[in-house]
């Protein structure tokens, strides 16, 4: 067996026979210039970013303004994957209106 291979034989062994693509003719410069000149100048249109999936957690809170009084359940949607951050955000938002806040549950939406 021949242990000394030429560079061409190694390339052929690794990559196989190369497929030669047909030549593509390029338009002449005058055609390109004519297309550029003839094209009207349009204003740049701002593309809106695609709506991507945002992770959301649904936090259920039990709130009240009276100690051991009538309580209400409120829901808060947090745009995060962290349950701790979602709890803190919901509690902070509920404290603006209510004095007593208790976290009941945190669920993924």
PDB file of N, CA and C in Angstrom:
ATOM      1  N   UNK A   1       0.843  -1.167   0.000  1.00  0.00           N
ATOM      2  CA  UNK A   1       0.000   0.000   0.000  1.00  0.00           C
ATOM      3  C   UNK A   1       0.892   1.235   0.000  1.00  0.00           C
ATOM      4  N   UNK A   2       0.484   2.233  -0.739  1.00  0.00           N
ATOM      5  CA  UNK A   2       1.267   3.451  -0.863  1.00  0.00           C
ATOM      6  C   UNK A   2       0.993   4.357   0.336  1.00  0.00           C
ATOM      7  N   UNK A   3       2.010   4.625   1.146  1.00  0.00           N
ATOM      8  CA  UNK A   3       1.831   5.459   2.335  1.00  0.00           C
ATOM      9  C   UNK A   3       2.024   6.931   2.021  1.00  0.00           C
ATOM     10  N   UNK A   4       2.632   7.225   0.892  1.00  0.00           N
ATOM     11  CA  UNK A   4       2.870   8.608   0.490  1.00  0.00           C
ATOM     12  C   UNK A   4       1.802   9.020  -0.524  1.00  0.00           C
ATOM     13  N   UNK A   5       0.875   9.873  -0.104  1.00  0.00           N
ATOM     14  CA  UNK A   5      -0.170  10.352  -0.995  1.00  0.00           C
ATOM     15  C   UNK A   5       0.149  11.782  -1.410  1.00  0.00           C
ATOM     16  N   UNK A   6      -0.210  12.096  -2.608  1.00  0.00           N
ATOM     17  CA  UNK A   6      -0.014  13.477  -3.043  1.00  0.00           C
ATOM     18  C   UNK A   6      -1.109  14.349  -2.449  1.00  0.00           C
ATOM     19  N   UNK A   7      -0.887  15.641  -2.516  1.00  0.00           N
ATOM     20  CA  UNK A   7      -1.852  16.580  -1.965  1.00  0.00           C
ATOM     21  C   UNK A   7      -3.197  16.458  -2.680  1.00  0.00           C
ATOM     22  N   UNK A   8      -3.152  16.271  -3.991  1.00  0.00           N
ATOM     23  CA  UNK A   8      -4.382  16.139  -4.771  1.00  0.00           C
ATOM     24  C   UNK A   8      -5.159  14.883  -4.376  1.00  0.00           C
ATOM     25  N   UNK A   9      -4.459  13.787  -4.119  1.00  0.00           N
ATOM     26  CA  UNK A   9      -5.114  12.545  -3.706  1.00  0.00           C
ATOM     27  C   UNK A   9      -5.743  12.698  -2.319  1.00  0.00           C
ATOM     28  N   UNK A  10      -5.078  13.434  -1.423  1.00  0.00           N
ATOM     29  CA  UNK A  10      -5.637  13.679  -0.093  1.00  0.00           C
ATOM     30  C   UNK A  10      -6.908  14.528  -0.181  1.00  0.00           C
ATOM     31  N   UNK A  11      -6.871  15.554  -1.008  1.00  0.00           N
ATOM     32  CA  UNK A  11      -8.051  16.399  -1.181  1.00  0.00           C
ATOM     33  C   UNK A  11      -9.222  15.591  -1.735  1.00  0.00           C
ATOM     34  N   UNK A  12      -8.907  14.725  -2.706  1.00  0.00           N
ATOM     35  CA  UNK A  12      -9.947  13.902  -3.311  1.00  0.00           C
ATOM     36  C   UNK A  12     -10.531  12.924  -2.291  1.00  0.00           C
ATOM     37  N   UNK A  13      -9.670  12.375  -1.412  1.00  0.00           N
ATOM     38  CA  UNK A  13     -10.134  11.436  -0.400  1.00  0.00           C
ATOM     39  C   UNK A  13     -11.019  12.138   0.633  1.00  0.00           C
ATOM     40  N   UNK A  14     -10.644  13.362   1.004  1.00  0.00           N
ATOM     41  CA  UNK A  14     -11.406  14.085   2.014  1.00  0.00           C
ATOM     42  C   UNK A  14     -12.688  14.694   1.469  1.00  0.00           C
ATOM     43  N   UNK A  15     -12.604  15.364   0.341  1.00  0.00           N
ATOM     44  CA  UNK A  15     -13.724  16.155  -0.141  1.00  0.00           C
ATOM     45  C   UNK A  15     -14.421  15.566  -1.357  1.00  0.00           C
ATOM     46  N   UNK A  16     -13.872  14.545  -1.967  1.00  0.00           N
ATOM     47  CA  UNK A  16     -14.475  13.962  -3.154  1.00  0.00           C
ATOM     48  C   UNK A  16     -14.139  14.792  -4.377  1.00  0.00           C
ATOM     49  N   UNK A  17     -14.732  14.432  -5.475  1.00  0.00           N
ATOM     50  CA  UNK A  17     -14.486  15.164  -6.708  1.00  0.00           C
ATOM     51  C   UNK A  17     -15.253  16.477  -6.676  1.00  0.00           C
ATOM     52  N   UNK A  18     -14.586  17.580  -6.946  1.00  0.00           N
ATOM     53  CA  UNK A  18     -15.283  18.864  -6.923  1.00  0.00           C
ATOM     54  C   UNK A  18     -16.202  18.993  -8.128  1.00  0.00           C
ATOM     55  N   UNK A  19     -17.390  19.518  -7.882  1.00  0.00           N
ATOM     56  CA  UNK A  19     -18.336  19.791  -8.947  1.00  0.00           C
ATOM     57  C   UNK A  19     -18.042  21.182  -9.485  1.00  0.00           C
ATOM     58  N   UNK A  20     -17.769  21.285 -10.753  1.00  0.00           N
ATOM     59  CA  UNK A  20     -17.462  22.568 -11.352  1.00  0.00           C
ATOM     60  C   UNK A  20     -18.782  23.198 -11.773  1.00  0.00           C
ATOM     61  N   UNK A  21     -19.072  24.364 -11.206  1.00  0.00           N
ATOM     62  CA  UNK A  21     -20.323  25.038 -11.515  1.00  0.00           C
ATOM     63  C   UNK A  21     -20.156  25.825 -12.807  1.00  0.00           C
ATOM     64  N   UNK A  22     -21.225  25.961 -13.570  1.00  0.00           N
ATOM     65  CA  UNK A  22     -21.120  26.726 -14.807  1.00  0.00           C
ATOM     66  C   UNK A  22     -20.842  28.189 -14.507  1.00  0.00           C
ATOM     67  N   UNK A  23     -20.141  28.836 -15.388  1.00  0.00           N
ATOM     68  CA  UNK A  23     -19.791  30.240 -15.171  1.00  0.00           C
ATOM     69  C   UNK A  23     -21.038  31.110 -15.264  1.00  0.00           C
ATOM     70  N   UNK A  24     -21.076  32.079 -14.400  1.00  0.00           N
ATOM     71  CA  UNK A  24     -22.179  33.016 -14.388  1.00  0.00           C
ATOM     72  C   UNK A  24     -21.691  34.295 -15.031  1.00  0.00           C
ATOM     73  N   UNK A  25     -22.421  34.766 -16.003  1.00  0.00           N
ATOM     74  CA  UNK A  25     -22.000  35.997 -16.665  1.00  0.00           C
ATOM     75  C   UNK A  25     -22.485  37.177 -15.837  1.00  0.00           C
ATOM     76  N   UNK A  26     -21.608  38.134 -15.635  1.00  0.00           N
ATOM     77  CA  UNK A  26     -21.932  39.326 -14.875  1.00  0.00           C
ATOM     78  C   UNK A  26     -22.397  40.411 -15.833  1.00  0.00           C
ATOM     79  N   UNK A  27     -23.379  41.196 -15.441  1.00  0.00           N
ATOM     80  CA  UNK A  27     -23.822  42.272 -16.325  1.00  0.00           C
ATOM     81  C   UNK A  27     -22.734  43.326 -16.443  1.00  0.00           C
ATOM     82  N   UNK A  28     -22.734  43.990 -17.535  1.00  0.00           N
ATOM     83  CA  UNK A  28     -21.716  45.021 -17.741  1.00  0.00           C
ATOM     84  C   UNK A  28     -22.010  46.206 -16.832  1.00  0.00           C
ATOM     85  N   UNK A  29     -21.017  47.042 -16.638  1.00  0.00           N
ATOM     86  CA  UNK A  29     -21.169  48.177 -15.744  1.00  0.00           C
ATOM     87  C   UNK A  29     -22.230  49.152 -16.238  1.00  0.00           C
ATOM     88  N   UNK A  30     -22.380  49.280 -17.508  1.00  0.00           N
ATOM     89  CA  UNK A  30     -23.368  50.228 -18.026  1.00  0.00           C
ATOM     90  C   UNK A  30     -24.787  49.797 -17.676  1.00  0.00           C
ATOM     91  N   UNK A  31     -25.065  48.472 -17.680  1.00  0.00           N
ATOM     92  CA  UNK A  31     -26.386  47.987 -17.303  1.00  0.00           C
ATOM     93  C   UNK A  31     -26.666  48.252 -15.835  1.00  0.00           C
ATOM     94  N   UNK A  32     -25.671  48.011 -14.988  1.00  0.00           N
ATOM     95  CA  UNK A  32     -25.826  48.234 -13.552  1.00  0.00           C
ATOM     96  C   UNK A  32     -26.033  49.707 -13.276  1.00  0.00           C
ATOM     97  N   UNK A  33     -25.251  50.563 -13.897  1.00  0.00           N
ATOM     98  CA  UNK A  33     -25.383  51.996 -13.691  1.00  0.00           C
ATOM     99  C   UNK A  33     -26.750  52.478 -14.144  1.00  0.00           C
ATOM    100  N   UNK A  34     -27.248  51.945 -15.257  1.00  0.00           N
ATOM    101  CA  UNK A  34     -28.556  52.353 -15.759  1.00  0.00           C
ATOM    102  C   UNK A  34     -29.655  51.955 -14.770  1.00  0.00           C
ATOM    103  N   UNK A  35     -29.541  50.766 -14.152  1.00  0.00           N
ATOM    104  CA  UNK A  35     -30.536  50.332 -13.172  1.00  0.00           C
ATOM    105  C   UNK A  35     -30.509  51.217 -11.932  1.00  0.00           C
ATOM    106  N   UNK A  36     -29.320  51.592 -11.512  1.00  0.00           N
ATOM    107  CA  UNK A  36     -29.187  52.423 -10.311  1.00  0.00           C
ATOM    108  C   UNK A  36     -29.754  53.809 -10.573  1.00  0.00           C
ATOM    109  N   UNK A  37     -29.471  54.364 -11.737  1.00  0.00           N
ATOM    110  CA  UNK A  37     -29.952  55.697 -12.048  1.00  0.00           C
ATOM    111  C   UNK A  37     -31.471  55.691 -12.230  1.00  0.00           C
ATOM    112  N   UNK A  38     -32.016  54.659 -12.839  1.00  0.00           N
ATOM    113  CA  UNK A  38     -33.447  54.605 -13.123  1.00  0.00           C
ATOM    114  C   UNK A  38     -34.280  54.322 -11.877  1.00  0.00           C
ATOM    115  N   UNK A  39     -33.687  53.698 -10.861  1.00  0.00           N
ATOM    116  CA  UNK A  39     -34.442  53.351  -9.663  1.00  0.00           C
ATOM    117  C   UNK A  39     -34.770  54.609  -8.868  1.00  0.00           C
ATOM    118  N   UNK A  40     -36.027  54.795  -8.475  1.00  0.00           N
ATOM    119  CA  UNK A  40     -36.386  55.979  -7.692  1.00  0.00           C
ATOM    120  C   UNK A  40     -35.840  55.856  -6.271  1.00  0.00           C
ATOM    121  N   UNK A  41     -35.559  57.000  -5.697  1.00  0.00           N
ATOM    122  CA  UNK A  41     -35.050  57.018  -4.325  1.00  0.00           C
ATOM    123  C   UNK A  41     -36.247  56.900  -3.395  1.00  0.00           C
ATOM    124  N   UNK A  42     -36.245  55.867  -2.577  1.00  0.00           N
ATOM    125  CA  UNK A  42     -37.352  55.662  -1.645  1.00  0.00           C
ATOM    126  C   UNK A  42     -36.884  55.936  -0.227  1.00  0.00           C
ATOM    127  N   UNK A  43     -37.816  56.361   0.592  1.00  0.00           N
ATOM    128  CA  UNK A  43     -37.487  56.620   1.998  1.00  0.00           C
ATOM    129  C   UNK A  43     -37.277  55.305   2.716  1.00  0.00           C
ATOM    130  N   UNK A  44     -36.403  55.346   3.681  1.00  0.00           N
ATOM    131  CA  UNK A  44     -36.120  54.130   4.449  1.00  0.00           C
ATOM    132  C   UNK A  44     -37.327  53.788   5.312  1.00  0.00           C
ATOM    133  N   UNK A  45     -37.807  52.589   5.186  1.00  0.00           N
ATOM    134  CA  UNK A  45     -38.951  52.125   5.959  1.00  0.00           C
ATOM    135  C   UNK A  45     -38.415  51.376   7.165  1.00  0.00           C
ATOM    136  N   UNK A  46     -38.844  51.804   8.339  1.00  0.00           N
ATOM    137  CA  UNK A  46     -38.400  51.136   9.552  1.00  0.00           C
ATOM    138  C   UNK A  46     -39.125  49.809   9.689  1.00  0.00           C
ATOM    139  N   UNK A  47     -38.355  48.774   9.852  1.00  0.00           N
ATOM    140  CA  UNK A  47     -38.961  47.462  10.031  1.00  0.00           C
ATOM    141  C   UNK A  47     -39.273  47.259  11.504  1.00  0.00           C
ATOM    142  N   UNK A  48     -40.465  46.774  11.753  1.00  0.00           N
ATOM    143  CA  UNK A  48     -40.839  46.471  13.121  1.00  0.00           C
ATOM    144  C   UNK A  48     -40.206  45.149  13.504  1.00  0.00           C
ATOM    145  N   UNK A  49     -39.641  45.064  14.703  1.00  0.00           N
ATOM    146  CA  UNK A  49     -39.053  43.786  15.099  1.00  0.00           C
ATOM    147  C   UNK A  49     -40.135  42.726  15.236  1.00  0.00           C
ATOM    148  N   UNK A  50     -39.783  41.528  14.878  1.00  0.00           N
ATOM    149  CA  UNK A  50     -40.729  40.425  14.976  1.00  0.00           C
ATOM    150  C   UNK A  50     -41.084  40.187  16.438  1.00  0.00           C
ATOM    151  N   UNK A  51     -42.338  39.881  16.673  1.00  0.00           N
ATOM    152  CA  UNK A  51     -42.763  39.623  18.046  1.00  0.00           C
ATOM    153  C   UNK A  51     -42.178  38.283  18.480  1.00  0.00           C
ATOM    154  N   UNK A  52     -41.323  38.367  19.448  1.00  0.00           N
ATOM    155  CA  UNK A  52     -40.708  37.149  19.947  1.00  0.00           C
ATOM    156  C   UNK A  52     -41.443  36.684  21.193  1.00  0.00           C
ATOM    157  N   UNK A  53     -41.229  35.462  21.536  1.00  0.00           N
ATOM    158  CA  UNK A  53     -41.854  34.898  22.720  1.00  0.00           C
ATOM    159  C   UNK A  53     -41.236  35.508  23.963  1.00  0.00           C
ATOM    160  N   UNK A  54     -42.047  36.071  24.810  1.00  0.00           N
ATOM    161  CA  UNK A  54     -41.550  36.591  26.076  1.00  0.00           C
ATOM    162  C   UNK A  54     -42.054  35.681  27.183  1.00  0.00           C
ATOM    163  N   UNK A  55     -41.169  35.228  28.025  1.00  0.00           N
ATOM    164  CA  UNK A  55     -41.590  34.343  29.109  1.00  0.00           C
ATOM    165  C   UNK A  55     -42.434  35.116  30.119  1.00  0.00           C
ATOM    166  N   UNK A  56     -43.505  34.512  30.545  1.00  0.00           N
ATOM    167  CA  UNK A  56     -44.389  35.166  31.507  1.00  0.00           C
ATOM    168  C   UNK A  56     -44.724  34.218  32.645  1.00  0.00           C
ATOM    169  N   UNK A  57     -44.820  34.808  33.822  1.00  0.00           N
ATOM    170  CA  UNK A  57     -45.263  34.079  34.997  1.00  0.00           C
ATOM    171  C   UNK A  57     -46.501  34.778  35.544  1.00  0.00           C
ATOM    172  N   UNK A  58     -47.435  33.990  35.995  1.00  0.00           N
ATOM    173  CA  UNK A  58     -48.664  34.516  36.575  1.00  0.00           C
ATOM    174  C   UNK A  58     -48.574  34.350  38.093  1.00  0.00           C
ATOM    175  N   UNK A  59     -48.574  35.480  38.789  1.00  0.00           N
ATOM    176  CA  UNK A  59     -48.452  35.469  40.253  1.00  0.00           C
ATOM    177  C   UNK A  59     -49.820  35.778  40.845  1.00  0.00           C
ATOM    178  N   UNK A  60     -50.279  34.901  41.726  1.00  0.00           N
ATOM    179  CA  UNK A  60     -51.551  35.104  42.424  1.00  0.00           C
ATOM    180  C   UNK A  60     -51.246  35.619  43.819  1.00  0.00           C
ATOM    181  N   UNK A  61     -51.871  36.739  44.171  1.00  0.00           N
ATOM    182  CA  UNK A  61     -51.632  37.369  45.482  1.00  0.00           C
ATOM    183  C   UNK A  61     -52.942  37.478  46.250  1.00  0.00           C
ATOM    184  N   UNK A  62     -52.848  37.372  47.556  1.00  0.00           N
ATOM    185  CA  UNK A  62     -53.990  37.624  48.437  1.00  0.00           C
ATOM    186  C   UNK A  62     -53.678  38.928  49.164  1.00  0.00           C
ATOM    187  N   UNK A  63     -54.524  39.929  48.967  1.00  0.00           N
ATOM    188  CA  UNK A  63     -54.233  41.266  49.502  1.00  0.00           C
ATOM    189  C   UNK A  63     -55.377  41.759  50.371  1.00  0.00           C
ATOM    190  N   UNK A  64     -55.037  42.684  51.295  1.00  0.00           N
ATOM    191  CA  UNK A  64     -56.033  43.268  52.185  1.00  0.00           C
ATOM    192  C   UNK A  64     -55.469  44.548  52.782  1.00  0.00           C
ATOM    193  N   UNK A  65     -56.353  45.415  53.222  1.00  0.00           N
ATOM    194  CA  UNK A  65     -55.930  46.613  53.943  1.00  0.00           C
ATOM    195  C   UNK A  65     -56.198  46.471  55.448  1.00  0.00           C
ATOM    196  N   UNK A  66     -56.887  45.405  55.836  1.00  0.00           N
ATOM    197  CA  UNK A  66     -57.187  45.147  57.243  1.00  0.00           C
ATOM    198  C   UNK A  66     -56.502  43.856  57.674  1.00  0.00           C
ATOM    199  N   UNK A  67     -55.962  43.846  58.888  1.00  0.00           N
ATOM    200  CA  UNK A  67     -55.321  42.644  59.408  1.00  0.00           C
ATOM    201  C   UNK A  67     -56.408  41.616  59.717  1.00  0.00           C
ATOM    202  N   UNK A  68     -56.280  40.429  59.145  1.00  0.00           N
ATOM    203  CA  UNK A  68     -57.250  39.350  59.271  1.00  0.00           C
ATOM    204  C   UNK A  68     -58.656  39.802  58.889  1.00  0.00           C
ATOM    205  N   UNK A  69     -58.740  40.715  57.955  1.00  0.00           N
ATOM    206  CA  UNK A  69     -60.034  41.192  57.467  1.00  0.00           C
ATOM    207  C   UNK A  69     -60.356  40.533  56.128  1.00  0.00           C
ATOM    208  N   UNK A  70     -61.233  41.181  55.386  1.00  0.00           N
ATOM    209  CA  UNK A  70     -61.633  40.656  54.093  1.00  0.00           C
ATOM    210  C   UNK A  70     -60.444  40.737  53.127  1.00  0.00           C
ATOM    211  N   UNK A  71     -60.181  39.628  52.433  1.00  0.00           N
ATOM    212  CA  UNK A  71     -59.054  39.593  51.507  1.00  0.00           C
ATOM    213  C   UNK A  71     -59.551  39.464  50.067  1.00  0.00           C
ATOM    214  N   UNK A  72     -58.712  39.908  49.143  1.00  0.00           N
ATOM    215  CA  UNK A  72     -58.998  39.826  47.716  1.00  0.00           C
ATOM    216  C   UNK A  72     -57.840  39.098  47.037  1.00  0.00           C
ATOM    217  N   UNK A  73     -58.159  38.386  45.997  1.00  0.00           N
ATOM    218  CA  UNK A  73     -57.111  37.750  45.205  1.00  0.00           C
ATOM    219  C   UNK A  73     -56.908  38.571  43.949  1.00  0.00           C
ATOM    220  N   UNK A  74     -55.648  38.908  43.686  1.00  0.00           N
ATOM    221  CA  UNK A  74     -55.327  39.631  42.466  1.00  0.00           C
ATOM    222  C   UNK A  74     -54.281  38.844  41.696  1.00  0.00           C
ATOM    223  N   UNK A  75     -54.242  39.053  40.375  1.00  0.00           N
ATOM    224  CA  UNK A  75     -53.285  38.384  39.507  1.00  0.00           C
ATOM    225  C   UNK A  75     -52.311  39.411  38.954  1.00  0.00           C
ATOM    226  N   UNK A  76     -51.057  39.017  38.870  1.00  0.00           N
ATOM    227  CA  UNK A  76     -50.021  39.891  38.312  1.00  0.00           C
ATOM    228  C   UNK A  76     -49.215  39.087  37.301  1.00  0.00           C
ATOM    229  N   UNK A  77     -49.017  39.660  36.093  1.00  0.00           N
ATOM    230  CA  UNK A  77     -48.205  38.997  35.069  1.00  0.00           C
ATOM    231  C   UNK A  77     -46.809  39.595  35.089  1.00  0.00           C
ATOM    232  N   UNK A  78     -45.802  38.734  35.223  1.00  0.00           N
ATOM    233  CA  UNK A  78     -44.414  39.181  35.242  1.00  0.00           C
ATOM    234  C   UNK A  78     -43.701  38.652  34.004  1.00  0.00           C
ATOM    235  N   UNK A  79     -42.916  39.519  33.356  1.00  0.00           N
ATOM    236  CA  UNK A  79     -42.186  39.138  32.143  1.00  0.00           C
ATOM    237  C   UNK A  79     -40.789  38.637  32.503  1.00  0.00           C
ATOM    238  N   UNK A  80     -40.719  37.540  33.185  1.00  0.00           N
ATOM    239  CA  UNK A  80     -39.431  36.973  33.577  1.00  0.00           C
ATOM    240  C   UNK A  80     -39.592  35.474  33.787  1.00  0.00           C
ATOM    241  N   UNK A  81     -38.473  34.778  33.813  1.00  0.00           N
ATOM    242  CA  UNK A  81     -38.506  33.348  34.111  1.00  0.00           C
ATOM    243  C   UNK A  81     -38.221  33.069  35.578  1.00  0.00           C
ATOM    244  N   UNK A  82     -37.700  34.045  36.281  1.00  0.00           N
ATOM    245  CA  UNK A  82     -37.341  33.874  37.679  1.00  0.00           C
ATOM    246  C   UNK A  82     -38.578  34.040  38.561  1.00  0.00           C
ATOM    247  N   UNK A  83     -38.888  33.012  39.334  1.00  0.00           N
ATOM    248  CA  UNK A  83     -40.052  33.091  40.218  1.00  0.00           C
ATOM    249  C   UNK A  83     -39.814  34.093  41.343  1.00  0.00           C
ATOM    250  N   UNK A  84     -38.571  34.196  41.799  1.00  0.00           N
ATOM    251  CA  UNK A  84     -38.262  35.140  42.874  1.00  0.00           C
ATOM    252  C   UNK A  84     -38.476  36.576  42.399  1.00  0.00           C
ATOM    253  N   UNK A  85     -37.977  36.891  41.209  1.00  0.00           N
ATOM    254  CA  UNK A  85     -38.177  38.237  40.675  1.00  0.00           C
ATOM    255  C   UNK A  85     -39.650  38.517  40.420  1.00  0.00           C
ATOM    256  N   UNK A  86     -40.384  37.514  39.964  1.00  0.00           N
ATOM    257  CA  UNK A  86     -41.812  37.685  39.719  1.00  0.00           C
ATOM    258  C   UNK A  86     -42.547  37.971  41.026  1.00  0.00           C
ATOM    259  N   UNK A  87     -42.208  37.247  42.082  1.00  0.00           N
ATOM    260  CA  UNK A  87     -42.830  37.489  43.393  1.00  0.00           C
ATOM    261  C   UNK A  87     -42.525  38.891  43.894  1.00  0.00           C
ATOM    262  N   UNK A  88     -41.260  39.297  43.777  1.00  0.00           N
ATOM    263  CA  UNK A  88     -40.869  40.620  44.265  1.00  0.00           C
ATOM    264  C   UNK A  88     -41.562  41.731  43.484  1.00  0.00           C
ATOM    265  N   UNK A  89     -41.642  41.566  42.171  1.00  0.00           N
ATOM    266  CA  UNK A  89     -42.286  42.564  41.327  1.00  0.00           C
ATOM    267  C   UNK A  89     -43.772  42.679  41.652  1.00  0.00           C
ATOM    268  N   UNK A  90     -44.431  41.538  41.829  1.00  0.00           N
ATOM    269  CA  UNK A  90     -45.862  41.532  42.137  1.00  0.00           C
ATOM    270  C   UNK A  90     -46.132  42.121  43.509  1.00  0.00           C
ATOM    271  N   UNK A  91     -45.312  41.764  44.480  1.00  0.00           N
ATOM    272  CA  UNK A  91     -45.475  42.284  45.841  1.00  0.00           C
ATOM    273  C   UNK A  91     -45.284  43.794  45.862  1.00  0.00           C
ATOM    274  N   UNK A  92     -44.280  44.270  45.149  1.00  0.00           N
ATOM    275  CA  UNK A  92     -43.997  45.703  45.092  1.00  0.00           C
ATOM    276  C   UNK A  92     -45.170  46.459  44.465  1.00  0.00           C
ATOM    277  N   UNK A  93     -45.740  45.890  43.392  1.00  0.00           N
ATOM    278  CA  UNK A  93     -46.879  46.534  42.733  1.00  0.00           C
ATOM    279  C   UNK A  93     -48.110  46.532  43.642  1.00  0.00           C
ATOM    280  N   UNK A  94     -48.330  45.450  44.395  1.00  0.00           N
ATOM    281  CA  UNK A  94     -49.508  45.355  45.266  1.00  0.00           C
ATOM    282  C   UNK A  94     -49.372  46.246  46.493  1.00  0.00           C
ATOM    283  N   UNK A  95     -48.162  46.449  46.967  1.00  0.00           N
ATOM    284  CA  UNK A  95     -47.948  47.284  48.163  1.00  0.00           C
ATOM    285  C   UNK A  95     -48.311  48.744  47.918  1.00  0.00           C
ATOM    286  N   UNK A  96     -48.364  49.152  46.682  1.00  0.00           N
ATOM    287  CA  UNK A  96     -48.740  50.531  46.381  1.00  0.00           C
ATOM    288  C   UNK A  96     -50.187  50.814  46.800  1.00  0.00           C
ATOM    289  N   UNK A  97     -51.013  49.770  46.708  1.00  0.00           N
ATOM    290  CA  UNK A  97     -52.438  49.956  46.992  1.00  0.00           C
ATOM    291  C   UNK A  97     -52.896  49.261  48.279  1.00  0.00           C
ATOM    292  N   UNK A  98     -52.270  48.142  48.617  1.00  0.00           N
ATOM    293  CA  UNK A  98     -52.705  47.348  49.769  1.00  0.00           C
ATOM    294  C   UNK A  98     -51.608  47.272  50.822  1.00  0.00           C
ATOM    295  N   UNK A  99     -52.039  47.096  52.065  1.00  0.00           N
ATOM    296  CA  UNK A  99     -51.088  47.051  53.180  1.00  0.00           C
ATOM    297  C   UNK A  99     -50.565  45.647  53.435  1.00  0.00           C
ATOM    298  N   UNK A 100     -51.423  44.647  53.347  1.00  0.00           N
ATOM    299  CA  UNK A 100     -51.042  43.268  53.617  1.00  0.00           C
ATOM    300  C   UNK A 100     -51.069  42.475  52.306  1.00  0.00           C
ATOM    301  N   UNK A 101     -49.943  41.870  51.990  1.00  0.00           N
ATOM    302  CA  UNK A 101     -49.805  41.141  50.728  1.00  0.00           C
ATOM    303  C   UNK A 101     -49.236  39.765  51.030  1.00  0.00           C
ATOM    304  N   UNK A 102     -49.869  38.724  50.465  1.00  0.00           N
ATOM    305  CA  UNK A 102     -49.393  37.358  50.634  1.00  0.00           C
ATOM    306  C   UNK A 102     -49.365  36.685  49.257  1.00  0.00           C
ATOM    307  N   UNK A 103     -48.239  36.063  48.934  1.00  0.00           N
ATOM    308  CA  UNK A 103     -48.112  35.371  47.650  1.00  0.00           C
ATOM    309  C   UNK A 103     -48.761  34.003  47.788  1.00  0.00           C
ATOM    310  N   UNK A 104     -49.711  33.691  46.915  1.00  0.00           N
ATOM    311  CA  UNK A 104     -50.403  32.412  46.943  1.00  0.00           C
ATOM    312  C   UNK A 104     -49.697  31.418  46.018  1.00  0.00           C
ATOM    313  N   UNK A 105     -49.469  31.812  44.767  1.00  0.00           N
ATOM    314  CA  UNK A 105     -48.824  30.896  43.837  1.00  0.00           C
ATOM    315  C   UNK A 105     -48.141  31.672  42.705  1.00  0.00           C
ATOM    316  N   UNK A 106     -47.192  30.973  42.066  1.00  0.00           N
ATOM    317  CA  UNK A 106     -46.514  31.492  40.882  1.00  0.00           C
ATOM    318  C   UNK A 106     -46.580  30.382  39.836  1.00  0.00           C
ATOM    319  N   UNK A 107     -47.242  30.688  38.704  1.00  0.00           N
ATOM    320  CA  UNK A 107     -47.404  29.683  37.658  1.00  0.00           C
ATOM    321  C   UNK A 107     -46.887  30.226  36.342  1.00  0.00           C
ATOM    322  N   UNK A 108     -46.413  29.315  35.509  1.00  0.00           N
ATOM    323  CA  UNK A 108     -45.984  29.677  34.167  1.00  0.00           C
ATOM    324  C   UNK A 108     -47.192  29.789  33.264  1.00  0.00           C
ATOM    325  N   UNK A 109     -47.171  30.751  32.357  1.00  0.00           N
ATOM    326  CA  UNK A 109     -48.301  30.941  31.438  1.00  0.00           C
ATOM    327  C   UNK A 109     -48.051  30.200  30.143  1.00  0.00           C
TER     328      UNK A 109
END
